[in-house]
Amino acid sequence: MLENLISYDDFMKVDVRVGTIVEALDFPEARKPAYKLTIDFGPEIGLRKSSVQITKHYKLSELAGRQVLGVVNFPKKQIGPFMSECLTLGAPDSEGAVVLLNIDKPVPNGARMF
C-alpha cells in the first residue's frame, strides 16, 4: 500500500498541460545528451522551452508536431546556457532512458490533465 497519499486538491496544484512541440534543437552544451524543445501550450500559456534527455529513443526530425505532457507551473530552471520553462514528462525504460508520456488522440494545446 502507498504511504504518501495526497488529496485531490494536492494533485490539482500540479498544472500538467498538453502541448505540441514546435521546435526541437540539439543541446551540445548539456552535460548529458539532450535536446532543447519549444512547446506550444495554447493561447493561455503560450510557448515554453524545455530541456529533455530523450536522445536515446527520439531523433530531432521526429519531434516537431508531437503532442507531449508538461508541468507548466514549476519555476524556471537554468540548465547551462539554457533556461528551461517547463518540465516535459516521461518515464524511464528498463535501462533508465526517458520515454515521453504522450496522448493517444489529438487534444487542444493547453488542455489540462485531470
N, C-alpha and C. Protein backbone atom coordinates (compact mmCIF):
# COMPACT_ATOMS: atom_id res chain seq x y z
N MET A 1 0.83 -1.18 0.00
CA MET A 1 0.00 0.00 0.00
C MET A 1 0.88 1.25 0.00
N LEU A 2 0.44 2.26 -0.73
CA LEU A 2 1.17 3.51 -0.77
C LEU A 2 1.04 4.26 0.54
N GLU A 3 2.15 4.85 0.99
CA GLU A 3 2.15 5.55 2.27
C GLU A 3 1.98 7.05 2.13
N ASN A 4 2.39 7.63 1.03
CA ASN A 4 2.36 9.07 0.86
C ASN A 4 1.14 9.52 0.08
N LEU A 5 -0.04 9.23 0.58
CA LEU A 5 -1.27 9.60 -0.10
C LEU A 5 -1.45 11.11 -0.07
N ILE A 6 -1.99 11.65 -1.16
CA ILE A 6 -2.27 13.07 -1.24
C ILE A 6 -3.76 13.25 -1.52
N SER A 7 -4.23 14.45 -1.30
CA SER A 7 -5.63 14.76 -1.60
C SER A 7 -5.75 15.17 -3.07
N TYR A 8 -6.98 15.20 -3.56
CA TYR A 8 -7.22 15.67 -4.92
C TYR A 8 -6.77 17.13 -5.05
N ASP A 9 -6.98 17.93 -4.02
CA ASP A 9 -6.54 19.33 -4.04
C ASP A 9 -5.02 19.42 -4.19
N ASP A 10 -4.27 18.53 -3.52
CA ASP A 10 -2.82 18.50 -3.69
C ASP A 10 -2.46 18.17 -5.14
N PHE A 11 -3.12 17.19 -5.71
CA PHE A 11 -2.87 16.78 -7.09
C PHE A 11 -3.11 17.95 -8.05
N MET A 12 -4.18 18.70 -7.82
CA MET A 12 -4.54 19.80 -8.72
C MET A 12 -3.56 20.97 -8.65
N LYS A 13 -2.69 21.00 -7.65
CA LYS A 13 -1.67 22.05 -7.58
C LYS A 13 -0.62 21.88 -8.69
N VAL A 14 -0.46 20.66 -9.19
CA VAL A 14 0.48 20.40 -10.28
C VAL A 14 -0.28 20.63 -11.59
N ASP A 15 0.13 21.64 -12.33
CA ASP A 15 -0.57 22.03 -13.56
C ASP A 15 0.09 21.32 -14.75
N VAL A 16 -0.49 20.18 -15.13
CA VAL A 16 0.02 19.39 -16.26
C VAL A 16 -0.85 19.69 -17.47
N ARG A 17 -0.22 20.15 -18.54
CA ARG A 17 -0.94 20.53 -19.76
C ARG A 17 -0.40 19.78 -20.96
N VAL A 18 -1.23 19.71 -21.98
CA VAL A 18 -0.85 19.14 -23.27
C VAL A 18 -0.28 20.27 -24.13
N GLY A 19 0.81 19.97 -24.79
CA GLY A 19 1.39 20.93 -25.72
C GLY A 19 1.93 20.22 -26.95
N THR A 20 2.15 20.98 -28.00
CA THR A 20 2.72 20.44 -29.23
C THR A 20 4.12 21.00 -29.42
N ILE A 21 5.06 20.10 -29.68
CA ILE A 21 6.44 20.53 -29.94
C ILE A 21 6.46 21.26 -31.27
N VAL A 22 6.94 22.51 -31.24
CA VAL A 22 7.03 23.29 -32.48
C VAL A 22 8.47 23.40 -32.98
N GLU A 23 9.44 23.16 -32.09
CA GLU A 23 10.84 23.19 -32.49
C GLU A 23 11.64 22.28 -31.58
N ALA A 24 12.58 21.55 -32.17
CA ALA A 24 13.50 20.69 -31.41
C ALA A 24 14.91 20.93 -31.94
N LEU A 25 15.83 21.23 -31.03
CA LEU A 25 17.21 21.54 -31.39
C LEU A 25 18.17 20.70 -30.56
N ASP A 26 19.36 20.45 -31.10
CA ASP A 26 20.42 19.81 -30.32
C ASP A 26 20.80 20.73 -29.17
N PHE A 27 21.30 20.13 -28.10
CA PHE A 27 21.76 20.88 -26.94
C PHE A 27 23.17 20.39 -26.58
N PRO A 28 24.16 20.75 -27.42
CA PRO A 28 25.51 20.21 -27.22
C PRO A 28 26.18 20.67 -25.93
N GLU A 29 25.72 21.78 -25.33
CA GLU A 29 26.33 22.28 -24.10
C GLU A 29 25.86 21.51 -22.86
N ALA A 30 24.85 20.70 -22.97
CA ALA A 30 24.32 19.95 -21.83
C ALA A 30 25.34 18.91 -21.36
N ARG A 31 25.36 18.64 -20.06
CA ARG A 31 26.28 17.64 -19.51
C ARG A 31 25.95 16.24 -20.01
N LYS A 32 24.65 15.92 -20.08
CA LYS A 32 24.19 14.64 -20.62
C LYS A 32 23.51 14.92 -21.94
N PRO A 33 23.52 13.97 -22.88
CA PRO A 33 22.89 14.21 -24.18
C PRO A 33 21.44 14.67 -24.02
N ALA A 34 21.10 15.79 -24.67
CA ALA A 34 19.77 16.37 -24.51
C ALA A 34 19.38 17.17 -25.75
N TYR A 35 18.10 17.49 -25.81
CA TYR A 35 17.55 18.39 -26.82
C TYR A 35 16.93 19.58 -26.12
N LYS A 36 16.78 20.67 -26.88
CA LYS A 36 16.03 21.84 -26.43
C LYS A 36 14.72 21.86 -27.22
N LEU A 37 13.61 21.86 -26.51
CA LEU A 37 12.30 21.88 -27.16
C LEU A 37 11.62 23.23 -26.94
N THR A 38 10.86 23.65 -27.93
CA THR A 38 9.90 24.73 -27.77
C THR A 38 8.54 24.10 -27.94
N ILE A 39 7.68 24.27 -26.95
CA ILE A 39 6.38 23.59 -26.90
C ILE A 39 5.27 24.64 -26.84
N ASP A 40 4.27 24.47 -27.69
CA ASP A 40 3.11 25.36 -27.71
C ASP A 40 2.03 24.80 -26.79
N PHE A 41 1.78 25.51 -25.67
CA PHE A 41 0.76 25.09 -24.71
C PHE A 41 -0.54 25.87 -24.88
N GLY A 42 -0.77 26.42 -26.06
CA GLY A 42 -2.03 27.09 -26.34
C GLY A 42 -2.03 28.55 -25.96
N PRO A 43 -3.13 29.25 -26.29
CA PRO A 43 -3.18 30.71 -26.12
C PRO A 43 -3.07 31.19 -24.67
N GLU A 44 -3.54 30.42 -23.71
CA GLU A 44 -3.49 30.86 -22.31
C GLU A 44 -2.06 30.86 -21.76
N ILE A 45 -1.25 29.86 -22.14
CA ILE A 45 0.10 29.70 -21.60
C ILE A 45 1.16 30.11 -22.61
N GLY A 46 0.95 29.81 -23.87
CA GLY A 46 1.89 30.19 -24.91
C GLY A 46 3.02 29.19 -25.09
N LEU A 47 4.12 29.68 -25.63
CA LEU A 47 5.30 28.85 -25.89
C LEU A 47 6.15 28.75 -24.64
N ARG A 48 6.63 27.55 -24.38
CA ARG A 48 7.57 27.30 -23.27
C ARG A 48 8.72 26.47 -23.80
N LYS A 49 9.90 26.69 -23.22
CA LYS A 49 11.10 25.93 -23.60
C LYS A 49 11.38 24.88 -22.53
N SER A 50 11.94 23.75 -22.98
CA SER A 50 12.23 22.66 -22.06
C SER A 50 13.47 21.89 -22.54
N SER A 51 14.35 21.55 -21.60
CA SER A 51 15.49 20.69 -21.90
C SER A 51 15.08 19.26 -21.58
N VAL A 52 15.32 18.35 -22.53
CA VAL A 52 14.89 16.96 -22.35
C VAL A 52 16.01 15.99 -22.71
N GLN A 53 16.20 14.98 -21.88
CA GLN A 53 17.22 13.95 -22.13
C GLN A 53 16.53 12.75 -22.76
N ILE A 54 16.17 12.89 -24.03
CA ILE A 54 15.41 11.85 -24.73
C ILE A 54 16.12 11.37 -25.99
N THR A 55 17.43 11.60 -26.06
CA THR A 55 18.17 11.32 -27.31
C THR A 55 18.27 9.84 -27.65
N LYS A 56 18.10 8.96 -26.67
CA LYS A 56 18.21 7.53 -26.96
C LYS A 56 17.05 7.03 -27.81
N HIS A 57 15.85 7.51 -27.54
CA HIS A 57 14.67 6.99 -28.22
C HIS A 57 14.10 7.89 -29.32
N TYR A 58 14.56 9.14 -29.41
CA TYR A 58 13.94 10.09 -30.34
C TYR A 58 14.98 10.83 -31.17
N LYS A 59 14.68 10.99 -32.44
CA LYS A 59 15.51 11.80 -33.34
C LYS A 59 14.88 13.18 -33.42
N LEU A 60 15.71 14.20 -33.59
CA LEU A 60 15.20 15.57 -33.71
C LEU A 60 14.12 15.67 -34.79
N SER A 61 14.34 14.99 -35.90
CA SER A 61 13.44 15.10 -37.05
C SER A 61 12.04 14.57 -36.78
N GLU A 62 11.85 13.75 -35.74
CA GLU A 62 10.53 13.18 -35.48
C GLU A 62 9.78 13.86 -34.33
N LEU A 63 10.34 14.94 -33.78
CA LEU A 63 9.73 15.55 -32.60
C LEU A 63 8.74 16.67 -32.93
N ALA A 64 9.02 17.50 -33.92
CA ALA A 64 8.11 18.61 -34.24
C ALA A 64 6.74 18.05 -34.61
N GLY A 65 5.69 18.65 -34.03
CA GLY A 65 4.32 18.21 -34.27
C GLY A 65 3.81 17.19 -33.28
N ARG A 66 4.68 16.64 -32.46
CA ARG A 66 4.29 15.62 -31.49
C ARG A 66 3.68 16.30 -30.25
N GLN A 67 2.57 15.76 -29.75
CA GLN A 67 2.00 16.27 -28.51
C GLN A 67 2.64 15.58 -27.32
N VAL A 68 2.90 16.38 -26.29
CA VAL A 68 3.53 15.89 -25.06
C VAL A 68 2.79 16.47 -23.86
N LEU A 69 3.11 15.96 -22.69
CA LEU A 69 2.59 16.49 -21.43
C LEU A 69 3.70 17.23 -20.71
N GLY A 70 3.36 18.36 -20.11
CA GLY A 70 4.36 19.12 -19.38
C GLY A 70 3.79 19.80 -18.16
N VAL A 71 4.60 19.91 -17.12
CA VAL A 71 4.23 20.67 -15.93
C VAL A 71 4.60 22.12 -16.23
N VAL A 72 3.60 23.00 -16.19
CA VAL A 72 3.83 24.39 -16.58
C VAL A 72 3.90 25.35 -15.40
N ASN A 73 3.73 24.86 -14.17
CA ASN A 73 3.77 25.77 -13.03
C ASN A 73 4.97 25.53 -12.09
N PHE A 74 6.06 25.00 -12.65
CA PHE A 74 7.32 24.95 -11.93
C PHE A 74 8.07 26.26 -12.19
N PRO A 75 8.95 26.66 -11.28
CA PRO A 75 9.79 27.83 -11.59
C PRO A 75 10.77 27.49 -12.71
N LYS A 76 11.21 28.51 -13.42
CA LYS A 76 12.21 28.32 -14.48
C LYS A 76 13.48 27.75 -13.86
N LYS A 77 14.23 26.98 -14.68
CA LYS A 77 15.47 26.37 -14.20
C LYS A 77 16.57 26.59 -15.23
N GLN A 78 17.68 27.12 -14.77
CA GLN A 78 18.83 27.34 -15.65
C GLN A 78 19.57 26.01 -15.84
N ILE A 79 19.72 25.59 -17.08
CA ILE A 79 20.46 24.37 -17.40
C ILE A 79 21.57 24.77 -18.36
N GLY A 80 22.77 24.97 -17.81
CA GLY A 80 23.86 25.50 -18.62
C GLY A 80 23.44 26.86 -19.17
N PRO A 81 23.60 27.09 -20.48
CA PRO A 81 23.23 28.38 -21.06
C PRO A 81 21.74 28.49 -21.40
N PHE A 82 20.96 27.48 -21.05
CA PHE A 82 19.56 27.40 -21.47
C PHE A 82 18.63 27.55 -20.27
N MET A 83 17.54 28.30 -20.44
CA MET A 83 16.54 28.46 -19.39
C MET A 83 15.35 27.56 -19.70
N SER A 84 15.16 26.52 -18.88
CA SER A 84 14.04 25.61 -19.06
C SER A 84 12.83 26.20 -18.33
N GLU A 85 11.68 26.27 -19.05
CA GLU A 85 10.49 26.94 -18.52
C GLU A 85 9.35 26.00 -18.15
N CYS A 86 9.53 24.71 -18.39
CA CYS A 86 8.52 23.71 -18.02
C CYS A 86 9.22 22.36 -17.92
N LEU A 87 8.53 21.39 -17.33
CA LEU A 87 9.06 20.04 -17.21
C LEU A 87 8.28 19.13 -18.14
N THR A 88 8.94 18.64 -19.18
CA THR A 88 8.32 17.69 -20.10
C THR A 88 8.33 16.33 -19.43
N LEU A 89 7.18 15.66 -19.43
CA LEU A 89 7.04 14.42 -18.66
C LEU A 89 7.40 13.17 -19.45
N GLY A 90 8.08 12.27 -18.78
CA GLY A 90 8.47 10.99 -19.35
C GLY A 90 8.62 9.96 -18.25
N ALA A 91 8.92 8.74 -18.65
CA ALA A 91 9.16 7.66 -17.71
C ALA A 91 10.36 6.86 -18.20
N PRO A 92 11.12 6.26 -17.27
CA PRO A 92 12.30 5.51 -17.70
C PRO A 92 11.95 4.14 -18.27
N ASP A 93 12.71 3.75 -19.30
CA ASP A 93 12.57 2.39 -19.79
C ASP A 93 13.38 1.47 -18.87
N SER A 94 13.53 0.20 -19.22
CA SER A 94 14.23 -0.76 -18.35
C SER A 94 15.70 -0.42 -18.13
N GLU A 95 16.27 0.44 -19.00
CA GLU A 95 17.67 0.83 -18.85
C GLU A 95 17.82 2.26 -18.31
N GLY A 96 16.70 2.90 -18.00
CA GLY A 96 16.74 4.25 -17.44
C GLY A 96 16.64 5.37 -18.46
N ALA A 97 16.54 5.05 -19.75
CA ALA A 97 16.41 6.09 -20.77
C ALA A 97 14.97 6.60 -20.80
N VAL A 98 14.80 7.89 -21.01
CA VAL A 98 13.47 8.51 -20.92
C VAL A 98 12.62 8.23 -22.15
N VAL A 99 11.38 7.83 -21.88
CA VAL A 99 10.34 7.67 -22.90
C VAL A 99 9.28 8.72 -22.60
N LEU A 100 8.94 9.55 -23.58
CA LEU A 100 7.97 10.61 -23.38
C LEU A 100 6.58 10.06 -23.06
N LEU A 101 5.89 10.71 -22.14
CA LEU A 101 4.48 10.44 -21.94
C LEU A 101 3.74 11.20 -23.04
N ASN A 102 2.71 10.58 -23.60
CA ASN A 102 2.02 11.26 -24.69
C ASN A 102 0.53 10.97 -24.66
N ILE A 103 -0.16 11.60 -25.56
CA ILE A 103 -1.60 11.50 -25.70
C ILE A 103 -1.88 10.58 -26.88
N ASP A 104 -2.87 9.68 -26.77
CA ASP A 104 -3.11 8.75 -27.88
C ASP A 104 -4.12 9.28 -28.90
N LYS A 105 -4.77 10.41 -28.61
CA LYS A 105 -5.66 11.08 -29.55
C LYS A 105 -5.36 12.58 -29.48
N PRO A 106 -5.45 13.31 -30.58
CA PRO A 106 -5.17 14.75 -30.53
C PRO A 106 -6.15 15.48 -29.61
N VAL A 107 -5.61 16.41 -28.82
CA VAL A 107 -6.41 17.29 -27.98
C VAL A 107 -5.89 18.71 -28.16
N PRO A 108 -6.68 19.72 -27.80
CA PRO A 108 -6.21 21.10 -27.96
C PRO A 108 -4.98 21.38 -27.09
N ASN A 109 -4.06 22.18 -27.63
CA ASN A 109 -2.93 22.62 -26.83
C ASN A 109 -3.46 23.39 -25.63
N GLY A 110 -2.85 23.13 -24.47
CA GLY A 110 -3.26 23.78 -23.25
C GLY A 110 -4.27 23.00 -22.44
N ALA A 111 -4.80 21.89 -22.99
CA ALA A 111 -5.75 21.07 -22.24
C ALA A 111 -5.08 20.60 -20.94
N ARG A 112 -5.81 20.73 -19.83
CA ARG A 112 -5.24 20.37 -18.54
C ARG A 112 -5.54 18.91 -18.20
N MET A 113 -4.52 18.23 -17.70
CA MET A 113 -4.69 16.85 -17.25
C MET A 113 -5.49 16.85 -15.94
N PHE A 114 -6.41 15.91 -15.82
CA PHE A 114 -7.14 15.75 -14.56
C PHE A 114 -7.42 14.30 -14.34
